[in-house]
C-alpha atoms as a PDB file:
ATOM      1  CA  UNK A   1       0.033  -0.049  -0.019  1.00  0.00           C
ATOM      2  CA  UNK A   2       2.865   2.377   0.704  1.00  0.00           C
ATOM      3  CA  UNK A   3       4.509   1.687  -2.707  1.00  0.00           C
ATOM      4  CA  UNK A   4       1.285   2.118  -4.556  1.00  0.00           C
ATOM      5  CA  UNK A   5       0.625   5.392  -2.529  1.00  0.00           C
ATOM      6  CA  UNK A   6       4.082   6.730  -3.805  1.00  0.00           C
ATOM      7  CA  UNK A   7       3.068   5.949  -7.311  1.00  0.00           C
ATOM      8  CA  UNK A   8      -0.302   7.506  -7.087  1.00  0.00           C
ATOM      9  CA  UNK A   9       1.015  10.914  -5.496  1.00  0.00           C
ATOM     10  CA  UNK A  10       4.198  10.913  -7.939  1.00  0.00           C
ATOM     11  CA  UNK A  11       1.513  10.808 -10.895  1.00  0.00           C
ATOM     12  CA  UNK A  12       0.328  14.202 -10.053  1.00  0.00           C
ATOM     13  CA  UNK A  13      -2.127  15.283 -12.531  1.00  0.00           C
ATOM     14  CA  UNK A  14      -1.435  12.442 -15.373  1.00  0.00           C
ATOM     15  CA  UNK A  15      -3.821   9.961 -16.709  1.00  0.00           C
ATOM     16  CA  UNK A  16      -2.206   7.342 -14.688  1.00  0.00           C
ATOM     17  CA  UNK A  17      -3.833   8.056 -11.389  1.00  0.00           C
ATOM     18  CA  UNK A  18      -7.288   6.743 -12.159  1.00  0.00           C
ATOM     19  CA  UNK A  19      -5.594   3.494 -13.555  1.00  0.00           C
ATOM     20  CA  UNK A  20      -3.616   3.324 -10.378  1.00  0.00           C
ATOM     21  CA  UNK A  21      -6.882   3.799  -8.301  1.00  0.00           C
ATOM     22  CA  UNK A  22      -8.942   1.457  -9.989  1.00  0.00           C
ATOM     23  CA  UNK A  23      -6.208  -1.099  -9.671  1.00  0.00           C
ATOM     24  CA  UNK A  24      -5.984  -0.328  -5.965  1.00  0.00           C
ATOM     25  CA  UNK A  25      -9.648  -0.586  -5.441  1.00  0.00           C
ATOM     26  CA  UNK A  26      -9.569  -4.078  -7.653  1.00  0.00           C
ATOM     27  CA  UNK A  27      -7.039  -5.328  -5.358  1.00  0.00           C
ATOM     28  CA  UNK A  28      -8.314  -4.176  -1.774  1.00  0.00           C
ATOM     29  CA  UNK A  29     -12.060  -4.169  -2.430  1.00  0.00           C
ATOM     30  CA  UNK A  30     -11.961  -1.007  -0.822  1.00  0.00           C
ATOM     31  CA  UNK A  31     -14.313   1.768  -1.426  1.00  0.00           C
ATOM     32  CA  UNK A  32     -12.967   4.313  -3.823  1.00  0.00           C
ATOM     33  CA  UNK A  33     -13.281   7.158  -1.579  1.00  0.00           C
ATOM     34  CA  UNK A  34     -11.658   5.158   1.385  1.00  0.00           C
ATOM     35  CA  UNK A  35      -8.854   4.031  -1.206  1.00  0.00           C
ATOM     36  CA  UNK A  36      -8.213   8.022  -2.177  1.00  0.00           C
ATOM     37  CA  UNK A  37      -7.778   8.715   1.615  1.00  0.00           C
ATOM     38  CA  UNK A  38      -5.307   5.831   2.160  1.00  0.00           C
ATOM     39  CA  UNK A  39      -3.218   6.706  -1.370  1.00  0.00           C
ATOM     40  CA  UNK A  40      -3.094  10.333  -0.541  1.00  0.00           C
ATOM     41  CA  UNK A  41      -1.710   9.856   2.985  1.00  0.00           C
ATOM     42  CA  UNK A  42       2.439   9.794   2.970  1.00  0.00           C
ATOM     43  CA  UNK A  43       2.502   7.826   6.253  1.00  0.00           C
ATOM     44  CA  UNK A  44       1.369   4.263   6.251  1.00  0.00           C
ATOM     45  CA  UNK A  45      -2.000   4.121   7.834  1.00  0.00           C
ATOM     46  CA  UNK A  46      -2.317   2.304  11.217  1.00  0.00           C
ATOM     47  CA  UNK A  47      -3.568  -1.160  11.729  1.00  0.00           C
ATOM     48  CA  UNK A  48      -7.343  -1.161  12.158  1.00  0.00           C
ATOM     49  CA  UNK A  49      -8.578  -1.630  15.710  1.00  0.00           C
ATOM     50  CA  UNK A  50      -9.787  -5.121  16.937  1.00  0.00           C
ATOM     51  CA  UNK A  51     -13.742  -4.974  16.700  1.00  0.00           C
ATOM     52  CA  UNK A  52     -15.426  -7.107  19.486  1.00  0.00           C
ATOM     53  CA  UNK A  53     -18.930  -7.694  18.557  1.00  0.00           C
ATOM     54  CA  UNK A  54     -21.828  -7.773  20.669  1.00  0.00           C
ATOM     55  CA  UNK A  55     -21.994 -10.787  23.586  1.00  0.00           C
ATOM     56  CA  UNK A  56     -23.962 -13.623  21.946  1.00  0.00           C
ATOM     57  CA  UNK A  57     -24.608 -15.432  25.145  1.00  0.00           C
ATOM     58  CA  UNK A  58     -26.438 -13.499  27.954  1.00  0.00           C
ATOM     59  CA  UNK A  59     -27.097 -14.378  31.834  1.00  0.00           C
ATOM     60  CA  UNK A  60     -29.936 -16.781  30.757  1.00  0.00           C
ATOM     61  CA  UNK A  61     -27.500 -18.839  28.823  1.00  0.00           C
ATOM     62  CA  UNK A  62     -24.899 -18.649  31.399  1.00  0.00           C
ATOM     63  CA  UNK A  63     -27.056 -19.994  34.138  1.00  0.00           C
ATOM     64  CA  UNK A  64     -28.424 -22.644  32.165  1.00  0.00           C
ATOM     65  CA  UNK A  65     -25.135 -23.504  31.160  1.00  0.00           C
ATOM     66  CA  UNK A  66     -24.173 -23.846  35.067  1.00  0.00           C
ATOM     67  CA  UNK A  67     -27.246 -26.081  35.631  1.00  0.00           C
ATOM     68  CA  UNK A  68     -26.150 -28.509  32.843  1.00  0.00           C
ATOM     69  CA  UNK A  69     -22.590 -28.571  33.864  1.00  0.00           C
ATOM     70  CA  UNK A  70     -23.794 -29.410  37.373  1.00  0.00           C
ATOM     71  CA  UNK A  71     -26.145 -32.236  35.897  1.00  0.00           C
ATOM     72  CA  UNK A  72     -23.127 -33.621  34.404  1.00  0.00           C
ATOM     73  CA  UNK A  73     -21.140 -33.939  37.431  1.00  0.00           C
ATOM     74  CA  UNK A  74     -19.051 -31.079  36.443  1.00  0.00           C
ATOM     75  CA  UNK A  75     -17.390 -32.718  33.666  1.00  0.00           C
ATOM     76  CA  UNK A  76     -14.759 -30.907  31.532  1.00  0.00           C
ATOM     77  CA  UNK A  77     -15.762 -28.491  28.848  1.00  0.00           C
ATOM     78  CA  UNK A  78     -14.654 -30.638  25.755  1.00  0.00           C
ATOM     79  CA  UNK A  79     -16.870 -33.520  27.044  1.00  0.00           C
ATOM     80  CA  UNK A  80     -19.733 -31.303  28.079  1.00  0.00           C
ATOM     81  CA  UNK A  81     -19.765 -29.983  24.823  1.00  0.00           C
ATOM     82  CA  UNK A  82     -20.076 -33.237  23.186  1.00  0.00           C
ATOM     83  CA  UNK A  83     -22.824 -34.474  25.374  1.00  0.00           C
ATOM     84  CA  UNK A  84     -24.882 -31.152  25.314  1.00  0.00           C
ATOM     85  CA  UNK A  85     -27.555 -32.126  23.129  1.00  0.00           C
ATOM     86  CA  UNK A  86     -28.277 -35.160  24.817  1.00  0.00           C
ATOM     87  CA  UNK A  87     -28.099 -33.198  28.289  1.00  0.00           C
ATOM     88  CA  UNK A  88     -30.552 -30.522  26.962  1.00  0.00           C
ATOM     89  CA  UNK A  89     -33.105 -32.626  25.380  1.00  0.00           C
ATOM     90  CA  UNK A  90     -32.988 -35.955  27.258  1.00  0.00           C
ATOM     91  CA  UNK A  91     -31.310 -36.378  30.628  1.00  0.00           C
ATOM     92  CA  UNK A  92     -32.066 -32.662  31.573  1.00  0.00           C
ATOM     93  CA  UNK A  93     -35.786 -33.151  30.971  1.00  0.00           C
ATOM     94  CA  UNK A  94     -36.819 -31.970  34.256  1.00  0.00           C
ATOM     95  CA  UNK A  95     -35.547 -28.547  33.588  1.00  0.00           C
ATOM     96  CA  UNK A  96     -35.892 -28.391  29.985  1.00  0.00           C
ATOM     97  CA  UNK A  97     -39.412 -27.766  30.153  1.00  0.00           C
ATOM     98  CA  UNK A  98     -39.165 -24.212  30.359  1.00  0.00           C
ATOM     99  CA  UNK A  99     -36.325 -23.632  28.015  1.00  0.00           C
ATOM    100  CA  UNK A 100     -37.239 -22.040  24.673  1.00  0.00           C
ATOM    101  CA  UNK A 101     -35.972 -22.957  21.505  1.00  0.00           C
ATOM    102  CA  UNK A 102     -33.645 -20.021  21.113  1.00  0.00           C
ATOM    103  CA  UNK A 103     -31.994 -20.936  24.370  1.00  0.00           C
ATOM    104  CA  UNK A 104     -31.656 -24.529  23.472  1.00  0.00           C
ATOM    105  CA  UNK A 105     -30.007 -23.761  20.146  1.00  0.00           C
ATOM    106  CA  UNK A 106     -27.630 -21.451  22.085  1.00  0.00           C
ATOM    107  CA  UNK A 107     -26.674 -24.032  24.494  1.00  0.00           C
ATOM    108  CA  UNK A 108     -26.070 -26.566  21.475  1.00  0.00           C
ATOM    109  CA  UNK A 109     -23.939 -23.946  19.642  1.00  0.00           C
ATOM    110  CA  UNK A 110     -21.665 -22.794  22.488  1.00  0.00           C
ATOM    111  CA  UNK A 111     -18.000 -23.543  21.882  1.00  0.00           C
ATOM    112  CA  UNK A 112     -15.357 -25.321  24.084  1.00  0.00           C
ATOM    113  CA  UNK A 113     -13.709 -22.016  25.080  1.00  0.00           C
ATOM    114  CA  UNK A 114     -16.733 -20.139  25.653  1.00  0.00           C
ATOM    115  CA  UNK A 115     -17.840 -22.863  28.130  1.00  0.00           C
ATOM    116  CA  UNK A 116     -14.303 -22.805  29.767  1.00  0.00           C
ATOM    117  CA  UNK A 117     -14.662 -18.677  29.965  1.00  0.00           C
ATOM    118  CA  UNK A 118     -18.460 -18.738  31.485  1.00  0.00           C
ATOM    119  CA  UNK A 119     -17.493 -21.484  34.072  1.00  0.00           C
ATOM    120  CA  UNK A 120     -14.238 -20.418  35.381  1.00  0.00           C
ATOM    121  CA  UNK A 121     -15.682 -18.584  38.379  1.00  0.00           C
ATOM    122  CA  UNK A 122     -17.799 -21.718  39.357  1.00  0.00           C
ATOM    123  CA  UNK A 123     -14.850 -24.131  38.599  1.00  0.00           C
ATOM    124  CA  UNK A 124     -12.719 -21.852  40.991  1.00  0.00           C
ATOM    125  CA  UNK A 125     -15.305 -21.886  43.807  1.00  0.00           C
ATOM    126  CA  UNK A 126     -15.670 -25.590  43.550  1.00  0.00           C
ATOM    127  CA  UNK A 127     -12.373 -26.302  43.937  1.00  0.00           C
ATOM    128  CA  UNK A 128     -12.326 -25.973  47.559  1.00  0.00           C
ATOM    129  CA  UNK A 129     -15.239 -28.527  47.727  1.00  0.00           C
ATOM    130  CA  UNK A 130     -13.559 -31.625  46.533  1.00  0.00           C
ATOM    131  CA  UNK A 131     -13.991 -34.946  48.924  1.00  0.00           C
ATOM    132  CA  UNK A 132     -11.026 -35.726  50.951  1.00  0.00           C
ATOM    133  CA  UNK A 133      -8.063 -37.415  49.137  1.00  0.00           C
ATOM    134  CA  UNK A 134      -7.548 -41.317  49.011  1.00  0.00           C
ATOM    135  CA  UNK A 135      -4.409 -42.963  50.478  1.00  0.00           C
ATOM    136  CA  UNK A 136      -1.213 -41.432  48.943  1.00  0.00           C
ATOM    137  CA  UNK A 137       0.146 -44.606  48.496  1.00  0.00           C
ATOM    138  CA  UNK A 138      -2.902 -45.955  46.684  1.00  0.00           C
ATOM    139  CA  UNK A 139      -2.819 -42.698  44.254  1.00  0.00           C
ATOM    140  CA  UNK A 140       0.887 -43.061  43.646  1.00  0.00           C
ATOM    141  CA  UNK A 141       0.406 -46.781  42.172  1.00  0.00           C
ATOM    142  CA  UNK A 142      -2.547 -45.965  40.073  1.00  0.00           C
ATOM    143  CA  UNK A 143      -2.039 -44.291  36.566  1.00  0.00           C
ATOM    144  CA  UNK A 144      -3.946 -41.014  35.808  1.00  0.00           C
ATOM    145  CA  UNK A 145      -5.632 -40.743  32.574  1.00  0.00           C
ATOM    146  CA  UNK A 146      -7.374 -37.727  31.134  1.00  0.00           C
ATOM    147  CA  UNK A 147      -9.874 -37.262  28.411  1.00  0.00           C
ATOM    148  CA  UNK A 148      -7.099 -36.408  25.791  1.00  0.00           C
ATOM    149  CA  UNK A 149      -5.384 -39.673  26.563  1.00  0.00           C
ATOM    150  CA  UNK A 150      -8.022 -42.267  25.660  1.00  0.00           C
ATOM    151  CA  UNK A 151      -6.797 -42.337  21.851  1.00  0.00           C
ATOM    152  CA  UNK A 152      -9.143 -44.889  19.952  1.00  0.00           C
ATOM    153  CA  UNK A 153      -9.508 -47.780  22.392  1.00  0.00           C
ATOM    154  CA  UNK A 154     -11.255 -51.124  21.410  1.00  0.00           C
ATOM    155  CA  UNK A 155     -14.331 -52.429  23.367  1.00  0.00           C
ATOM    156  CA  UNK A 156     -14.029 -53.356  26.887  1.00  0.00           C
ATOM    157  CA  UNK A 157     -12.344 -50.375  28.302  1.00  0.00           C
ATOM    158  CA  UNK A 158     -15.255 -48.411  30.550  1.00  0.00           C
ATOM    159  CA  UNK A 159     -15.338 -45.531  32.651  1.00  0.00           C
ATOM    160  CA  UNK A 160     -17.271 -46.245  36.099  1.00  0.00           C
ATOM    161  CA  UNK A 161     -19.076 -43.167  38.151  1.00  0.00           C
ATOM    162  CA  UNK A 162     -21.277 -43.329  41.123  1.00  0.00           C
ATOM    163  CA  UNK A 163     -24.350 -41.070  41.090  1.00  0.00           C
ATOM    164  CA  UNK A 164     -26.659 -40.232  44.215  1.00  0.00           C
ATOM    165  CA  UNK A 165     -30.437 -39.781  43.666  1.00  0.00           C
ATOM    166  CA  UNK A 166     -30.792 -37.402  46.679  1.00  0.00           C
ATOM    167  CA  UNK A 167     -33.621 -35.469  45.658  1.00  0.00           C
ATOM    168  CA  UNK A 168     -31.858 -32.188  46.854  1.00  0.00           C
ATOM    169  CA  UNK A 169     -31.296 -33.529  50.254  1.00  0.00           C
ATOM    170  CA  UNK A 170     -28.429 -35.931  51.707  1.00  0.00           C
ATOM    171  CA  UNK A 171     -30.725 -36.987  54.786  1.00  0.00           C
ATOM    172  CA  UNK A 172     -31.747 -40.546  54.947  1.00  0.00           C
ATOM    173  CA  UNK A 173     -31.393 -43.405  52.515  1.00  0.00           C
ATOM    174  CA  UNK A 174     -31.262 -43.165  48.558  1.00  0.00           C
ATOM    175  CA  UNK A 175     -30.210 -45.076  45.693  1.00  0.00           C
ATOM    176  CA  UNK A 176     -26.551 -44.897  44.465  1.00  0.00           C
ATOM    177  CA  UNK A 177     -26.684 -46.216  40.773  1.00  0.00           C
ATOM    178  CA  UNK A 178     -22.990 -47.071  39.429  1.00  0.00           C
ATOM    179  CA  UNK A 179     -22.709 -46.389  35.736  1.00  0.00           C
ATOM    180  CA  UNK A 180     -20.424 -48.146  33.585  1.00  0.00           C
ATOM    181  CA  UNK A 181     -20.167 -46.625  30.078  1.00  0.00           C
ATOM    182  CA  UNK A 182     -17.753 -48.411  27.382  1.00  0.00           C
ATOM    183  CA  UNK A 183     -15.876 -45.757  25.653  1.00  0.00           C
ATOM    184  CA  UNK A 184     -15.527 -47.169  22.287  1.00  0.00           C
ATOM    185  CA  UNK A 185     -18.994 -48.186  22.027  1.00  0.00           C
ATOM    186  CA  UNK A 186     -21.215 -46.319  24.491  1.00  0.00           C
ATOM    187  CA  UNK A 187     -22.448 -49.683  25.903  1.00  0.00           C
ATOM    188  CA  UNK A 188     -23.754 -48.603  29.459  1.00  0.00           C
ATOM    189  CA  UNK A 189     -24.776 -50.544  32.472  1.00  0.00           C
ATOM    190  CA  UNK A 190     -26.646 -49.112  35.315  1.00  0.00           C
ATOM    191  CA  UNK A 191     -26.388 -50.890  38.726  1.00  0.00           C
ATOM    192  CA  UNK A 192     -28.169 -49.540  41.892  1.00  0.00           C
ATOM    193  CA  UNK A 193     -26.580 -49.689  44.892  1.00  0.00           C
ATOM    194  CA  UNK A 194     -28.071 -49.019  48.467  1.00  0.00           C
ATOM    195  CA  UNK A 195     -24.916 -47.440  49.796  1.00  0.00           C
ATOM    196  CA  UNK A 196     -21.420 -46.254  48.658  1.00  0.00           C
ATOM    197  CA  UNK A 197     -19.451 -49.371  49.838  1.00  0.00           C
ATOM    198  CA  UNK A 198     -16.505 -50.795  48.138  1.00  0.00           C
ATOM    199  CA  UNK A 199     -17.814 -54.541  48.499  1.00  0.00           C
ATOM    200  CA  UNK A 200     -21.025 -53.737  46.834  1.00  0.00           C
ATOM    201  CA  UNK A 201     -19.227 -51.859  43.862  1.00  0.00           C
ATOM    202  CA  UNK A 202     -16.925 -54.799  43.347  1.00  0.00           C
ATOM    203  CA  UNK A 203     -20.355 -57.206  43.460  1.00  0.00           C
ATOM    204  CA  UNK A 204     -21.924 -54.664  40.792  1.00  0.00           C
ATOM    205  CA  UNK A 205     -18.990 -54.809  38.389  1.00  0.00           C
ATOM    206  CA  UNK A 206     -19.034 -58.660  38.598  1.00  0.00           C
ATOM    207  CA  UNK A 207     -22.735 -58.524  37.712  1.00  0.00           C
ATOM    208  CA  UNK A 208     -22.194 -56.104  34.949  1.00  0.00           C
ATOM    209  CA  UNK A 209     -19.602 -58.417  33.236  1.00  0.00           C
ATOM    210  CA  UNK A 210     -22.371 -60.889  32.363  1.00  0.00           C
ATOM    211  CA  UNK A 211     -24.647 -58.912  29.849  1.00  0.00           C
ATOM    212  CA  UNK A 212     -21.678 -57.384  28.044  1.00  0.00           C
ATOM    213  CA  UNK A 213     -21.187 -58.671  24.843  1.00  0.00           C
ATOM    214  CA  UNK A 214     -17.290 -58.151  25.272  1.00  0.00           C
ATOM    215  CA  UNK A 215     -14.996 -58.904  28.178  1.00  0.00           C
ATOM    216  CA  UNK A 216     -14.100 -56.199  30.467  1.00  0.00           C
ATOM    217  CA  UNK A 217     -10.524 -54.931  29.978  1.00  0.00           C
ATOM    218  CA  UNK A 218     -10.138 -51.795  31.858  1.00  0.00           C
ATOM    219  CA  UNK A 219     -12.002 -49.836  34.535  1.00  0.00           C
ATOM    220  CA  UNK A 220     -11.537 -46.085  34.900  1.00  0.00           C
ATOM    221  CA  UNK A 221     -12.786 -44.283  38.325  1.00  0.00           C
ATOM    222  CA  UNK A 222     -12.414 -41.037  39.932  1.00  0.00           C
ATOM    223  CA  UNK A 223     -11.103 -40.806  43.367  1.00  0.00           C
ATOM    224  CA  UNK A 224     -14.189 -41.665  45.011  1.00  0.00           C
ATOM    225  CA  UNK A 225     -13.833 -43.617  48.241  1.00  0.00           C
ATOM    226  CA  UNK A 226     -15.794 -46.450  47.055  1.00  0.00           C
ATOM    227  CA  UNK A 227     -13.629 -47.225  44.325  1.00  0.00           C
ATOM    228  CA  UNK A 228     -10.356 -46.587  46.162  1.00  0.00           C
ATOM    229  CA  UNK A 229     -10.180 -47.186  49.714  1.00  0.00           C
ATOM    230  CA  UNK A 230      -7.389 -48.269  52.182  1.00  0.00           C
ATOM    231  CA  UNK A 231      -4.483 -49.959  50.638  1.00  0.00           C
ATOM    232  CA  UNK A 232      -5.841 -51.081  47.240  1.00  0.00           C
ATOM    233  CA  UNK A 233      -8.117 -50.222  44.585  1.00  0.00           C
ATOM    234  CA  UNK A 234     -11.380 -52.194  43.953  1.00  0.00           C
ATOM    235  CA  UNK A 235      -9.617 -53.955  40.856  1.00  0.00           C
ATOM    236  CA  UNK A 236      -6.259 -54.865  39.703  1.00  0.00           C
END
């Protein structure tokens, strides 16, 4: 642009000026008035300022996203993004009844980066509410795998999680379903437990082996005490 500007100003009143202007407009797709202003300036124009558009997601989307995240047991943003359609339309059926079509569409279209940004404060406040850690010896002996480390496993490697149907209160007794989900196929087994106890978890895993169409090769859990307790995990 600086070189074309020098040529344009050097052309003075010759017939070459309109030709240079037309070439510059065709190359940059600028309006000819804007192109004239640029070519008549001797110093190079400053870089255009970065424009931030209006915020797409309002407070309603933010609040709904928090509810979805909590209902999904505070999973990472990448997994939450992949499960969003299912959470909104099915698993979140108790709340989704009052969600409008526009809000549902916004939740389904939200990006992983936006989820990270919108949930940053909630994750920071929830960091101090984690359960007590299991034995340091047990933790040091068990490998840690994140969502990005799975790669492309074959059938037989499952993730295990316990859910508490408390109805909003932890008082009294309630069901603790053990959910086993195969990473490769999505095959899911759900087994109800009366209490969160390691022996019952072991029995439930043994029961879940029978209806599976493939052998159980690996079991990934969180640091729940029913999975990791005392001096050894529930499975070797």
